[in-house]
Amino acid sequence: MTVMKRILLPVFVAASVALAGQDLAPVIKSVQEKYAPDKRTALFSVEAIKTNGPVVLNGETNIPQAKAELLEKAAKSDVEMIDAINVLPDEKGLEGKTYGVVSISVATLRYGPSYASEQASQLLMGTPVRILKKSGWYLVQTPENYIAWVSASGITPMTKQQYNEYVSAKKVIYLPEYGFAYSKPDVKSERVSDVVAGNMFKYEGTKGKFAKVSFADGREAYIPKSEVTDFSAWAKNTRPTEESIIKTAYRFMGVPYLWAGTSSKMLDCSGFSKTVYLLNGLILARDASQQCLTGQNIDVSEGYKNLRPGDLVFFGNRKADGSPNRVWHVGIYVGDGIFIHEAGKVHLTSFNPEHKDIYSKYYVDILVRATRIIGTEDKGMGVTSVENNPYFALQQ
């Protein structure tokens, strides 16, 4: 809920009030560029509204430091202002339930609170999120810090205590590409839900060859024990190798393309690389244009000779000086000039003209960047392990 606060400052001339909104625009922009340069991962939407009285600083942010700095800088102007900037999460509007866990196999995120809004990404069952506010749908922030809207039917809101109980509970992770959870320990029984690779559940025990699990929304089900793995042990021990990344990537061969897809059902290009690395214990940034700024930069000015299997290769266009300008596609390097990527469907393409069936001069010409992800997790390079991601930890 927005709390309005007057900031009393001397007013020298009436005309200064009309000018103040314009004068504060550069200040607002500078704070935004400092704290929220990428609106996909940080929220800072503030404007200075001119009135016949005080100038109103109106909007919202999820970064308290950004608001504090803006007010400090704005206070140096010679006008009276009203602080109407709301800091998220909206504790009161959410009734204290500022945390949540995805409760369906794949929840679609959108840029607005409506099914008519463009798809932004997807979240897998059991993924923890931070809820920022509610407007029919929930505005959430994900473990990779992506901010978007999700239908209320897709997540279960929680208080901090409930969230910590979920984080502390014994859980299992589903690793095959696709399957089902059943109402009884019998594959012939009624299905409770479909499940996909990376889904997580609370572990409730075993019955015969089945694990009994529960979802965040309280539903209970049975999954074959052979298809789930202890989550804590998996998160602790799973890290990518060149071999494991390529093996995982090949598991998705032929999976069709879906804009914003991030599950084994359907994928987009960065959703493919993100999913492959997730199943190897790492959390990548969501979009190709974000992933290219993470990990260790690998020189591709002379082609693919410096690349190792598992490196991410990025495609786009260049500035006049030859540096990358805009990145719009990503793939995973396999070796010998070959990479695997999602474009129409997951398939192989090669930079090497000796591979006549899969060679593409088009991709040779638009290769602009490559990064090495393996070995860069938890080192401040934009890549975290699931084990050490703060969303999977107890909240203080």
Protein backbone atom coordinates (compact mmCIF):
# COMPACT_ATOMS: atom_id res chain seq x y z
CA MET A 1 0.00 0.00 0.00
CA THR A 2 1.32 3.45 -0.89
CA VAL A 3 2.06 5.76 2.03
CA MET A 4 2.22 9.41 1.05
CA LYS A 5 4.77 11.55 2.83
CA ARG A 6 5.27 15.27 2.37
CA ILE A 7 8.81 16.51 1.95
CA LEU A 8 8.73 20.20 2.89
CA LEU A 9 11.17 22.41 1.06
CA PRO A 10 11.19 26.16 0.29
CA VAL A 11 9.34 27.31 -2.83
CA PHE A 12 11.02 30.31 -4.37
CA VAL A 13 8.67 31.02 -7.25
CA ALA A 14 5.42 29.47 -8.43
CA ALA A 15 6.91 28.68 -11.81
CA SER A 16 9.44 26.37 -10.17
CA VAL A 17 6.70 23.85 -9.39
CA ALA A 18 5.77 23.51 -13.04
CA LEU A 19 9.42 23.04 -13.91
CA ALA A 20 10.19 20.55 -11.15
CA GLY A 21 8.66 17.51 -12.82
CA GLN A 22 10.90 18.07 -15.83
CA ASP A 23 13.94 18.78 -13.65
CA LEU A 24 13.49 15.52 -11.73
CA ALA A 25 13.29 13.37 -14.86
CA PRO A 26 17.10 13.11 -15.23
CA VAL A 27 17.40 12.30 -11.52
CA ILE A 28 14.84 9.52 -11.81
CA LYS A 29 16.57 8.19 -14.92
CA SER A 30 19.99 8.13 -13.24
CA VAL A 31 18.65 6.18 -10.27
CA GLN A 32 16.87 3.78 -12.59
CA GLU A 33 20.03 3.19 -14.62
CA LYS A 34 22.00 2.51 -11.45
CA TYR A 35 19.62 0.15 -9.69
CA ALA A 36 17.33 -1.22 -12.40
CA PRO A 37 19.12 -1.14 -15.78
CA ASP A 38 17.27 -4.30 -16.85
CA LYS A 39 13.54 -4.07 -16.18
CA ARG A 40 13.27 -7.83 -16.54
CA THR A 41 15.08 -8.35 -13.24
CA ALA A 42 14.52 -5.16 -11.23
CA LEU A 43 11.46 -2.94 -10.83
CA PHE A 44 11.76 0.83 -10.69
CA SER A 45 8.79 2.60 -12.25
CA VAL A 46 8.63 6.15 -10.90
CA GLU A 47 7.50 9.47 -12.33
CA ALA A 48 7.31 13.05 -11.07
CA ILE A 49 3.75 14.34 -11.46
CA LYS A 50 3.28 18.10 -11.64
CA THR A 51 0.27 19.54 -9.76
CA ASN A 52 -0.86 23.01 -8.70
CA GLY A 53 0.67 22.16 -5.36
CA PRO A 54 3.54 19.81 -4.46
CA VAL A 55 5.21 17.61 -7.04
CA VAL A 56 4.19 13.98 -6.50
CA LEU A 57 6.83 11.27 -6.82
CA ASN A 58 4.61 8.38 -7.80
CA GLY A 59 5.31 4.75 -8.68
CA GLU A 60 6.79 1.57 -7.28
CA THR A 61 10.04 -0.31 -6.87
CA ASN A 62 11.26 -3.51 -5.26
CA ILE A 63 14.58 -1.88 -4.38
CA PRO A 64 14.40 0.16 -1.13
CA GLN A 65 17.88 1.60 -1.72
CA ALA A 66 16.74 3.04 -5.05
CA LYS A 67 13.84 4.87 -3.44
CA ALA A 68 16.05 6.21 -0.65
CA GLU A 69 18.64 7.56 -3.09
CA LEU A 70 15.97 9.15 -5.29
CA LEU A 71 14.40 10.95 -2.33
CA GLU A 72 17.81 12.12 -1.16
CA LYS A 73 18.64 13.56 -4.56
CA ALA A 74 15.15 15.01 -5.10
CA ALA A 75 15.31 16.75 -1.73
CA LYS A 76 18.04 18.97 -3.13
CA SER A 77 15.54 20.63 -5.50
CA ASP A 78 13.79 23.77 -4.37
CA VAL A 79 10.18 22.51 -4.32
CA GLU A 80 7.76 20.76 -2.04
CA MET A 81 7.22 17.09 -2.88
CA ILE A 82 4.99 14.22 -1.84
CA ASP A 83 6.49 10.74 -1.61
CA ALA A 84 3.99 8.30 -3.12
CA ILE A 85 6.48 5.59 -4.09
CA ASN A 86 5.39 2.13 -3.04
CA VAL A 87 8.12 -0.32 -2.06
CA LEU A 88 7.32 -3.93 -2.98
CA PRO A 89 6.49 -6.52 -1.84
CA ASP A 90 3.08 -5.19 -0.86
CA GLU A 91 3.00 -6.77 2.61
CA LYS A 92 -0.47 -5.45 3.51
CA GLY A 93 -2.15 -6.20 0.19
CA LEU A 94 -0.71 -9.73 0.22
CA GLU A 95 -1.67 -10.24 3.88
CA GLY A 96 1.89 -11.23 4.69
CA LYS A 97 2.08 -13.93 2.02
CA THR A 98 5.02 -12.51 0.11
CA TYR A 99 6.49 -15.88 -0.79
CA GLY A 100 5.17 -18.63 -3.02
CA VAL A 101 5.83 -22.01 -4.59
CA VAL A 102 4.73 -23.17 -8.04
CA SER A 103 1.98 -25.78 -7.70
CA ILE A 104 1.41 -26.98 -11.29
CA SER A 105 3.82 -28.84 -13.56
CA VAL A 106 4.59 -25.78 -15.70
CA ALA A 107 3.36 -22.29 -14.85
CA THR A 108 3.49 -19.67 -17.59
CA LEU A 109 4.72 -16.18 -16.75
CA ARG A 110 3.37 -13.21 -18.70
CA TYR A 111 4.28 -9.56 -19.06
CA GLY A 112 0.85 -8.49 -17.82
CA PRO A 113 -1.81 -9.91 -15.47
CA SER A 114 -3.89 -11.50 -18.22
CA TYR A 115 -3.96 -14.59 -20.42
CA ALA A 116 -4.04 -12.17 -23.37
CA SER A 117 -0.64 -10.78 -22.38
CA GLU A 118 2.55 -11.96 -24.08
CA GLN A 119 4.31 -14.98 -22.58
CA ALA A 120 7.53 -14.09 -20.75
CA SER A 121 8.82 -17.37 -19.31
CA GLN A 122 7.80 -20.51 -17.44
CA LEU A 123 8.36 -21.93 -13.97
CA LEU A 124 8.50 -25.55 -12.89
CA MET A 125 6.50 -27.13 -10.10
CA GLY A 126 8.13 -26.68 -6.71
CA THR A 127 10.10 -23.60 -7.74
CA PRO A 128 10.14 -20.96 -4.97
CA VAL A 129 9.33 -17.34 -5.84
CA ARG A 130 8.98 -13.97 -4.14
CA ILE A 131 5.53 -12.42 -4.55
CA LEU A 132 5.66 -8.67 -5.09
CA LYS A 133 1.98 -7.77 -5.44
CA LYS A 134 -1.42 -9.02 -6.54
CA SER A 135 -3.78 -7.70 -9.18
CA GLY A 136 -5.93 -10.76 -9.81
CA TRP A 137 -2.66 -12.41 -10.87
CA TYR A 138 0.59 -12.35 -8.89
CA LEU A 139 3.65 -10.34 -9.84
CA VAL A 140 6.56 -12.59 -8.87
CA GLN A 141 10.33 -12.63 -8.93
CA THR A 142 12.02 -15.93 -9.74
CA PRO A 143 15.31 -17.54 -8.59
CA GLU A 144 17.05 -15.96 -11.61
CA ASN A 145 15.45 -12.62 -10.56
CA TYR A 146 13.08 -12.47 -13.55
CA ILE A 147 9.95 -10.41 -12.82
CA ALA A 148 6.62 -11.27 -14.47
CA TRP A 149 2.99 -12.14 -13.78
CA VAL A 150 1.62 -15.60 -13.04
CA SER A 151 -1.98 -16.76 -12.72
CA ALA A 152 -3.19 -17.29 -9.16
CA SER A 153 -3.93 -20.90 -10.12
CA GLY A 154 -0.22 -21.50 -10.76
CA ILE A 155 1.31 -20.81 -7.37
CA THR A 156 0.57 -21.24 -3.69
CA PRO A 157 1.20 -18.03 -1.67
CA MET A 158 2.96 -18.47 1.67
CA THR A 159 4.02 -16.50 4.72
CA LYS A 160 7.72 -16.49 5.53
CA GLN A 161 7.15 -19.20 8.15
CA GLN A 162 5.27 -21.43 5.68
CA TYR A 163 7.95 -20.82 3.07
CA ASN A 164 10.73 -21.77 5.46
CA GLU A 165 8.85 -24.91 6.40
CA TYR A 166 8.70 -25.80 2.71
CA VAL A 167 12.40 -25.07 2.20
CA SER A 168 13.30 -27.20 5.23
CA ALA A 169 11.08 -30.14 4.28
CA LYS A 170 12.55 -33.23 2.66
CA LYS A 171 11.96 -33.02 -1.06
CA VAL A 172 12.50 -35.03 -4.21
CA ILE A 173 13.17 -33.87 -7.77
CA TYR A 174 11.80 -35.47 -10.93
CA LEU A 175 14.51 -35.99 -13.57
CA PRO A 176 12.99 -37.88 -16.55
CA GLU A 177 11.64 -35.70 -19.36
CA TYR A 178 7.95 -36.40 -18.77
CA GLY A 179 5.62 -38.51 -16.67
CA PHE A 180 2.67 -38.52 -14.30
CA ALA A 181 1.79 -38.38 -10.64
CA TYR A 182 -0.95 -40.84 -9.61
CA SER A 183 -3.70 -40.84 -7.01
CA LYS A 184 -2.65 -44.31 -5.80
CA PRO A 185 0.62 -46.29 -5.92
CA ASP A 186 -0.52 -47.76 -9.23
CA VAL A 187 0.13 -46.44 -12.74
CA LYS A 188 -3.40 -47.52 -13.66
CA SER A 189 -4.95 -45.24 -11.04
CA GLU A 190 -6.33 -41.78 -11.74
CA ARG A 191 -3.70 -39.19 -12.59
CA VAL A 192 -3.24 -36.22 -10.28
CA SER A 193 -0.96 -34.26 -12.60
CA ASP A 194 1.55 -34.52 -15.37
CA VAL A 195 5.16 -33.92 -14.30
CA VAL A 196 8.26 -32.73 -16.17
CA ALA A 197 12.01 -32.72 -15.66
CA GLY A 198 12.96 -30.42 -12.80
CA ASN A 199 9.64 -30.61 -10.92
CA MET A 200 10.10 -30.71 -7.14
CA PHE A 201 7.82 -32.18 -4.47
CA LYS A 202 7.70 -32.62 -0.72
CA TYR A 203 8.53 -36.21 0.15
CA GLU A 204 5.90 -37.95 2.28
CA GLY A 205 7.26 -41.52 2.36
CA THR A 206 7.13 -44.65 0.23
CA LYS A 207 4.61 -47.32 -0.60
CA GLY A 208 5.93 -50.27 -2.54
CA LYS A 209 7.68 -49.07 -5.67
CA PHE A 210 6.25 -45.56 -5.33
CA ALA A 211 7.24 -42.39 -3.55
CA LYS A 212 4.41 -40.52 -1.89
CA VAL A 213 4.71 -36.79 -2.55
CA SER A 214 2.76 -33.63 -1.88
CA PHE A 215 2.43 -30.46 -3.91
CA ALA A 216 2.64 -26.92 -2.54
CA ASP A 217 -1.15 -26.63 -2.74
CA GLY A 218 -1.64 -29.68 -0.52
CA ARG A 219 -2.47 -32.30 -3.15
CA GLU A 220 -0.89 -35.70 -2.60
CA ALA A 221 0.20 -38.19 -5.22
CA TYR A 222 2.42 -41.15 -6.01
CA ILE A 223 5.36 -41.25 -8.42
CA PRO A 224 7.50 -44.31 -9.24
CA LYS A 225 10.54 -44.22 -6.94
CA SER A 226 12.83 -44.88 -9.89
CA GLU A 227 11.83 -41.50 -11.38
CA VAL A 228 12.62 -39.23 -8.40
CA THR A 229 15.84 -38.35 -6.58
CA ASP A 230 16.47 -36.85 -3.15
CA PHE A 231 16.57 -33.10 -3.79
CA SER A 232 19.12 -32.10 -1.16
CA ALA A 233 21.63 -34.73 -2.24
CA TRP A 234 21.06 -33.88 -5.90
CA ALA A 235 21.54 -30.13 -5.31
CA LYS A 236 24.71 -30.72 -3.31
CA ASN A 237 26.35 -33.20 -5.66
CA THR A 238 25.18 -32.15 -9.12
CA ARG A 239 27.48 -29.88 -11.09
CA PRO A 240 27.95 -29.76 -14.86
CA THR A 241 30.74 -31.35 -16.82
CA GLU A 242 31.29 -31.11 -20.54
CA GLU A 243 29.99 -34.66 -20.93
CA SER A 244 26.92 -34.21 -18.74
CA ILE A 245 25.82 -31.01 -20.49
CA ILE A 246 26.03 -32.56 -23.95
CA LYS A 247 24.30 -35.75 -22.77
CA THR A 248 21.47 -33.72 -21.24
CA ALA A 249 21.13 -31.50 -24.31
CA TYR A 250 20.73 -34.52 -26.59
CA ARG A 251 17.84 -35.73 -24.44
CA PHE A 252 15.75 -32.88 -25.85
CA MET A 253 16.49 -33.54 -29.51
CA GLY A 254 13.37 -32.82 -31.57
CA VAL A 255 11.43 -31.03 -28.80
CA PRO A 256 9.36 -28.30 -30.51
CA TYR A 257 9.81 -24.56 -30.12
CA LEU A 258 7.59 -22.36 -27.97
CA TRP A 259 8.23 -18.69 -27.32
CA ALA A 260 9.05 -18.38 -23.58
CA GLY A 261 9.10 -22.17 -23.20
CA THR A 262 11.29 -23.40 -20.35
CA SER A 263 10.26 -27.01 -19.81
CA SER A 264 10.76 -30.39 -21.41
CA LYS A 265 7.31 -30.00 -23.03
CA MET A 266 8.36 -27.13 -25.29
CA LEU A 267 11.30 -24.72 -25.27
CA ASP A 268 12.66 -21.52 -26.71
CA CYS A 269 16.39 -21.10 -27.38
CA SER A 270 17.41 -19.67 -24.01
CA GLY A 271 14.85 -21.85 -22.25
CA PHE A 272 16.69 -24.83 -23.76
CA SER A 273 20.11 -23.76 -22.46
CA LYS A 274 18.58 -22.81 -19.13
CA THR A 275 16.82 -26.17 -18.74
CA VAL A 276 19.91 -28.17 -19.70
CA TYR A 277 21.99 -26.38 -17.10
CA LEU A 278 19.23 -26.55 -14.47
CA LEU A 279 19.20 -30.35 -14.75
CA ASN A 280 22.93 -30.15 -14.08
CA GLY A 281 22.47 -28.13 -10.90
CA LEU A 282 22.87 -24.52 -12.12
CA ILE A 283 20.51 -21.59 -12.53
CA LEU A 284 21.15 -19.43 -15.58
CA ALA A 285 19.74 -16.04 -16.48
CA ARG A 286 16.49 -16.31 -18.41
CA ASP A 287 17.08 -14.69 -21.82
CA ALA A 288 19.87 -15.06 -24.37
CA SER A 289 20.70 -11.36 -24.07
CA GLN A 290 21.18 -11.89 -20.32
CA GLN A 291 22.96 -15.24 -20.50
CA CYS A 292 25.61 -13.77 -22.81
CA LEU A 293 26.70 -11.43 -19.98
CA THR A 294 27.33 -14.29 -17.53
CA GLY A 295 30.12 -16.79 -17.09
CA GLN A 296 33.56 -16.45 -18.71
CA ASN A 297 33.75 -14.67 -22.05
CA ILE A 298 35.37 -16.77 -24.79
CA ASP A 299 36.96 -15.11 -27.83
CA VAL A 300 35.16 -16.02 -31.07
CA SER A 301 36.76 -13.36 -33.25
CA GLU A 302 38.45 -16.14 -35.22
CA GLY A 303 35.58 -18.59 -35.12
CA TYR A 304 35.04 -21.59 -32.91
CA LYS A 305 38.62 -22.75 -32.24
CA ASN A 306 38.58 -21.59 -28.57
CA LEU A 307 35.29 -23.25 -27.70
CA ARG A 308 34.81 -26.24 -25.39
CA PRO A 309 31.79 -28.56 -25.22
CA GLY A 310 29.11 -26.99 -23.04
CA ASP A 311 30.02 -23.39 -23.88
CA LEU A 312 27.10 -21.17 -24.84
CA VAL A 313 27.29 -19.61 -28.32
CA PHE A 314 25.33 -16.44 -29.03
CA PHE A 315 24.03 -14.97 -32.26
CA GLY A 316 22.97 -11.48 -33.24
CA ASN A 317 24.44 -8.44 -34.93
CA ARG A 318 27.46 -6.20 -34.34
CA LYS A 319 28.18 -2.53 -33.92
CA ALA A 320 30.39 -0.67 -36.39
CA ASP A 321 33.43 -1.39 -34.22
CA GLY A 322 32.74 -5.13 -34.38
CA SER A 323 31.54 -5.54 -30.78
CA PRO A 324 28.23 -7.35 -30.14
CA ASN A 325 25.22 -5.07 -30.52
CA ARG A 326 22.13 -7.20 -29.99
CA VAL A 327 21.91 -10.88 -29.08
CA TRP A 328 18.77 -12.80 -30.02
CA HIS A 329 19.71 -16.50 -30.11
CA VAL A 330 21.78 -19.01 -28.12
CA GLY A 331 22.97 -22.58 -28.55
CA ILE A 332 25.21 -25.07 -26.71
CA TYR A 333 28.52 -25.97 -28.30
CA VAL A 334 29.05 -29.71 -28.81
CA GLY A 335 32.49 -29.85 -30.46
CA ASP A 336 34.15 -29.91 -33.89
CA GLY A 337 32.20 -26.82 -34.93
CA ILE A 338 28.82 -28.34 -34.05
CA PHE A 339 26.27 -26.79 -31.69
CA ILE A 340 22.83 -27.89 -30.53
CA HIS A 341 20.02 -25.36 -30.27
CA GLU A 342 16.28 -24.78 -30.24
CA ALA A 343 15.06 -23.20 -33.47
CA GLY A 344 11.80 -24.74 -34.68
CA LYS A 345 12.89 -27.86 -32.83
CA VAL A 346 16.04 -28.89 -30.97
CA HIS A 347 18.61 -29.91 -33.58
CA LEU A 348 22.26 -29.73 -34.58
CA THR A 349 23.92 -27.06 -36.72
CA SER A 350 27.58 -26.67 -37.64
CA PHE A 351 30.03 -23.84 -38.25
CA ASN A 352 32.23 -26.37 -40.06
CA PRO A 353 31.63 -26.52 -43.85
CA GLU A 354 32.86 -30.13 -43.84
CA HIS A 355 29.56 -31.06 -42.19
CA LYS A 356 27.56 -30.53 -45.36
CA ASP A 357 24.21 -31.77 -43.99
CA ILE A 358 24.15 -29.38 -41.03
CA TYR A 359 26.53 -26.58 -42.03
CA SER A 360 25.07 -23.06 -41.93
CA LYS A 361 26.92 -20.00 -43.22
CA TYR A 362 24.09 -17.92 -41.78
CA TYR A 363 25.02 -18.90 -38.22
CA VAL A 364 28.74 -18.48 -38.96
CA ASP A 365 28.06 -14.90 -40.02
CA ILE A 366 25.95 -13.96 -36.97
CA LEU A 367 28.07 -15.60 -34.24
CA VAL A 368 28.90 -12.66 -31.96
CA ARG A 369 29.80 -14.04 -28.54
CA ALA A 370 30.43 -17.15 -26.44
CA THR A 371 30.62 -17.78 -22.71
CA ARG A 372 31.87 -20.65 -20.57
CA ILE A 373 29.43 -21.56 -17.80
CA ILE A 374 31.05 -24.71 -16.43
CA GLY A 375 33.10 -23.87 -13.36
CA THR A 376 31.81 -20.30 -12.99
CA GLU A 377 28.92 -20.93 -10.60
CA ASP A 378 28.74 -19.07 -7.28
CA LYS A 379 31.67 -16.81 -8.21
CA GLY A 380 29.80 -13.57 -8.85
CA MET A 381 29.66 -14.23 -12.59
CA GLY A 382 25.88 -14.32 -12.94
CA VAL A 383 25.52 -18.08 -12.46
CA THR A 384 24.39 -19.74 -9.22
CA SER A 385 24.09 -23.35 -8.19
CA VAL A 386 20.68 -24.52 -7.05
CA GLU A 387 22.34 -25.45 -3.76
CA ASN A 388 23.50 -21.88 -3.08
CA ASN A 389 20.71 -19.89 -4.71
CA PRO A 390 19.11 -17.69 -2.02
CA TYR A 391 15.58 -18.66 -3.05
CA PHE A 392 16.26 -22.22 -1.92
CA ALA A 393 17.52 -21.06 1.49
CA LEU A 394 15.75 -20.20 4.73
CA GLN A 395 14.55 -16.59 4.77
CA GLN A 396 15.55 -14.42 7.71
